């Protein structure tokens, strides 16, 4: 997986340090459920789907905000420090939202309610635009080099629910 994702270990360690620096303790988070790998072109997205399928199982490919996002369960979960990361998200590029290829963000499952977590960290500049999602509302936190999202349910469960009910997040 390292040959595709690059230095995911350094990426995850940077996020872990960022959480700590912002006063978010490891015991507030049940898991880092996935990391997100962005690509620049639709052609690259389509080329990576079969490549990733060699090391992971495609759980679903759903349209979210006007573009496809593929969710993979890794055959060998990523192990970095105290984290075990089972999923990888690969979004197709979004029109008008360029991004250089590479790791973009991670998503974390909070222990307890998301609202309580946000209240405990009311000093942090959360983006709450994802709180209106029907399934698995989320709060984002990012700056120039740090980007994480927090939610209550792990990605694999959410994709399976979406697949059963035929909806997108």
Protein backbone atom coordinates (compact mmCIF):
# COMPACT_ATOMS: atom_id res chain seq x y z
CA UNK A 1 0.00 0.00 0.00
CA UNK A 2 2.93 2.31 0.66
CA UNK A 3 3.84 2.31 -3.04
CA UNK A 4 0.42 3.81 -3.82
CA UNK A 5 -0.20 6.06 -0.80
CA UNK A 6 3.34 7.20 -0.09
CA UNK A 7 4.34 8.02 3.48
CA UNK A 8 1.00 7.30 5.14
CA UNK A 9 2.81 6.65 8.43
CA UNK A 10 4.21 10.19 8.51
CA UNK A 11 0.81 11.55 7.48
CA UNK A 12 -0.94 9.74 10.34
CA UNK A 13 1.73 10.77 12.86
CA UNK A 14 1.30 14.40 11.80
CA UNK A 15 -2.44 14.10 12.38
CA UNK A 16 -1.88 12.43 15.77
CA UNK A 17 0.44 15.27 16.83
CA UNK A 18 -2.13 17.79 15.55
CA UNK A 19 -4.89 16.23 17.63
CA UNK A 20 -2.72 16.32 20.73
CA UNK A 21 -1.70 19.94 20.10
CA UNK A 22 -5.38 20.88 19.88
CA UNK A 23 -6.19 19.19 23.19
CA UNK A 24 -7.94 16.15 21.76
CA UNK A 25 -6.97 13.09 23.78
CA UNK A 26 -6.59 9.64 22.25
CA UNK A 27 -9.09 8.23 24.73
CA UNK A 28 -11.82 10.44 23.21
CA UNK A 29 -11.49 8.62 19.88
CA UNK A 30 -12.46 4.98 19.35
CA UNK A 31 -10.77 4.67 15.98
CA UNK A 32 -9.31 6.35 12.94
CA UNK A 33 -11.62 4.62 10.50
CA UNK A 34 -10.11 5.81 7.23
CA UNK A 35 -7.72 8.00 5.40
CA UNK A 36 -8.58 9.78 2.18
CA UNK A 37 -6.37 9.69 -0.92
CA UNK A 38 -7.16 12.37 -3.50
CA UNK A 39 -6.32 12.38 -7.21
CA UNK A 40 -6.15 15.18 -9.76
CA UNK A 41 -7.98 13.63 -12.72
CA UNK A 42 -10.90 11.31 -13.42
CA UNK A 43 -8.54 9.16 -15.48
CA UNK A 44 -6.27 8.67 -12.46
CA UNK A 45 -9.29 7.84 -10.28
CA UNK A 46 -10.43 5.20 -12.78
CA UNK A 47 -6.89 3.80 -13.08
CA UNK A 48 -6.52 3.44 -9.29
CA UNK A 49 -9.76 1.52 -8.78
CA UNK A 50 -8.39 -1.82 -10.08
CA UNK A 51 -4.96 -1.18 -8.56
CA UNK A 52 -6.45 -0.68 -5.09
CA UNK A 53 -8.74 -3.67 -5.60
CA UNK A 54 -5.65 -5.88 -5.61
CA UNK A 55 -4.98 -4.96 -1.95
CA UNK A 56 -8.48 -4.11 -0.77
CA UNK A 57 -12.14 -4.93 -1.22
CA UNK A 58 -14.35 -2.29 -2.81
CA UNK A 59 -17.24 -1.78 -0.38
CA UNK A 60 -19.02 0.74 -2.51
CA UNK A 61 -18.76 3.52 -5.01
CA UNK A 62 -21.36 6.18 -4.33
CA UNK A 63 -22.08 9.64 -5.62
CA UNK A 64 -21.46 12.27 -2.95
CA UNK A 65 -21.79 15.99 -3.70
CA UNK A 66 -21.72 15.45 -7.46
CA UNK A 67 -18.74 13.09 -7.70
CA UNK A 68 -18.03 9.43 -7.14
CA UNK A 69 -16.27 8.25 -3.99
CA UNK A 70 -14.95 4.71 -3.72
CA UNK A 71 -14.59 3.12 -0.29
CA UNK A 72 -12.20 0.22 0.19
CA UNK A 73 -11.66 -2.12 3.12
CA UNK A 74 -7.94 -2.86 3.16
CA UNK A 75 -6.85 -6.52 3.15
CA UNK A 76 -4.10 -5.58 5.59
CA UNK A 77 -5.25 -2.79 7.87
CA UNK A 78 -2.78 0.06 8.28
CA UNK A 79 -1.02 -0.01 11.66
CA UNK A 80 0.56 3.23 12.83
CA UNK A 81 1.33 3.89 16.48
CA UNK A 82 -1.90 3.22 18.41
CA UNK A 83 -4.10 3.36 15.30
CA UNK A 84 -5.51 0.54 13.18
CA UNK A 85 -7.04 1.99 10.01
CA UNK A 86 -9.29 -0.43 8.09
CA UNK A 87 -10.60 1.77 5.27
CA UNK A 88 -9.40 3.95 2.43
CA UNK A 89 -11.52 6.54 0.68
CA UNK A 90 -10.77 7.48 -2.93
CA UNK A 91 -12.84 10.40 -4.23
CA UNK A 92 -12.99 11.34 -7.89
CA UNK A 93 -11.91 14.93 -8.44
CA UNK A 94 -14.56 17.57 -7.87
CA UNK A 95 -15.16 20.14 -10.58
CA UNK A 96 -13.69 23.49 -9.48
CA UNK A 97 -11.90 21.98 -6.48
CA UNK A 98 -8.38 21.09 -7.62
CA UNK A 99 -6.20 18.99 -5.35
CA UNK A 100 -2.73 17.59 -5.92
CA UNK A 101 -2.57 13.80 -5.67
CA UNK A 102 -1.90 12.52 -2.19
CA UNK A 103 -3.31 11.97 1.26
CA UNK A 104 -5.78 14.65 2.25
CA UNK A 105 -7.56 13.86 5.52
CA UNK A 106 -8.47 11.21 8.05
CA UNK A 107 -11.77 10.56 9.75
CA UNK A 108 -12.17 9.57 13.36
CA UNK A 109 -14.97 7.96 15.32
CA UNK A 110 -15.61 9.72 18.61
CA UNK A 111 -16.53 7.93 21.82
CA UNK A 112 -20.00 9.07 22.83
CA UNK A 113 -22.01 11.66 20.99
CA UNK A 114 -20.52 14.00 18.44
CA UNK A 115 -22.38 16.94 19.99
CA UNK A 116 -20.78 16.25 23.37
CA UNK A 117 -17.34 15.99 21.75
CA UNK A 118 -17.84 19.35 20.01
CA UNK A 119 -19.04 20.93 23.27
CA UNK A 120 -15.92 19.65 25.11
CA UNK A 121 -13.77 21.33 22.45
CA UNK A 122 -15.81 24.50 21.92
CA UNK A 123 -12.55 26.47 21.60
CA UNK A 124 -11.73 24.72 18.31
CA UNK A 125 -12.90 26.12 14.94
CA UNK A 126 -14.97 23.14 13.78
CA UNK A 127 -16.67 23.26 10.42
CA UNK A 128 -20.22 22.07 11.09
CA UNK A 129 -21.49 22.00 7.51
CA UNK A 130 -21.50 18.17 7.63
CA UNK A 131 -23.81 18.10 10.66
CA UNK A 132 -26.89 18.04 8.42
CA UNK A 133 -25.99 14.69 6.84
CA UNK A 134 -28.78 12.13 7.17
CA UNK A 135 -26.41 9.30 8.04
CA UNK A 136 -23.35 9.92 10.20
CA UNK A 137 -23.18 13.70 10.66
CA UNK A 138 -19.64 15.04 10.91
CA UNK A 139 -17.60 17.95 12.16
CA UNK A 140 -14.41 18.98 10.37
CA UNK A 141 -11.25 20.57 11.64
CA UNK A 142 -8.50 21.79 9.37
CA UNK A 143 -5.77 24.28 8.75
CA UNK A 144 -2.98 24.37 6.17
CA UNK A 145 -1.47 20.94 6.95
CA UNK A 146 -4.04 19.32 9.23
CA UNK A 147 -7.42 17.97 8.13
CA UNK A 148 -9.64 15.60 10.11
CA UNK A 149 -13.33 14.89 10.41
CA UNK A 150 -15.13 13.47 13.42
CA UNK A 151 -18.28 11.34 13.41
CA UNK A 152 -20.06 8.65 15.44
CA UNK A 153 -20.11 5.64 13.07
CA UNK A 154 -17.28 3.98 11.20
CA UNK A 155 -17.16 4.37 7.42
CA UNK A 156 -17.62 0.68 6.62
CA UNK A 157 -20.93 0.57 8.49
CA UNK A 158 -22.12 3.78 6.84
CA UNK A 159 -21.33 2.52 3.32
CA UNK A 160 -23.12 -0.75 4.02
CA UNK A 161 -26.20 1.18 5.24
CA UNK A 162 -26.11 3.43 2.17
CA UNK A 163 -25.82 0.43 -0.13
CA UNK A 164 -28.83 -1.24 1.53
CA UNK A 165 -31.06 1.81 1.34
CA UNK A 166 -29.71 3.01 -2.01
CA UNK A 167 -28.68 6.46 -0.95
CA UNK A 168 -25.58 8.67 -0.95
CA UNK A 169 -24.22 10.67 1.96
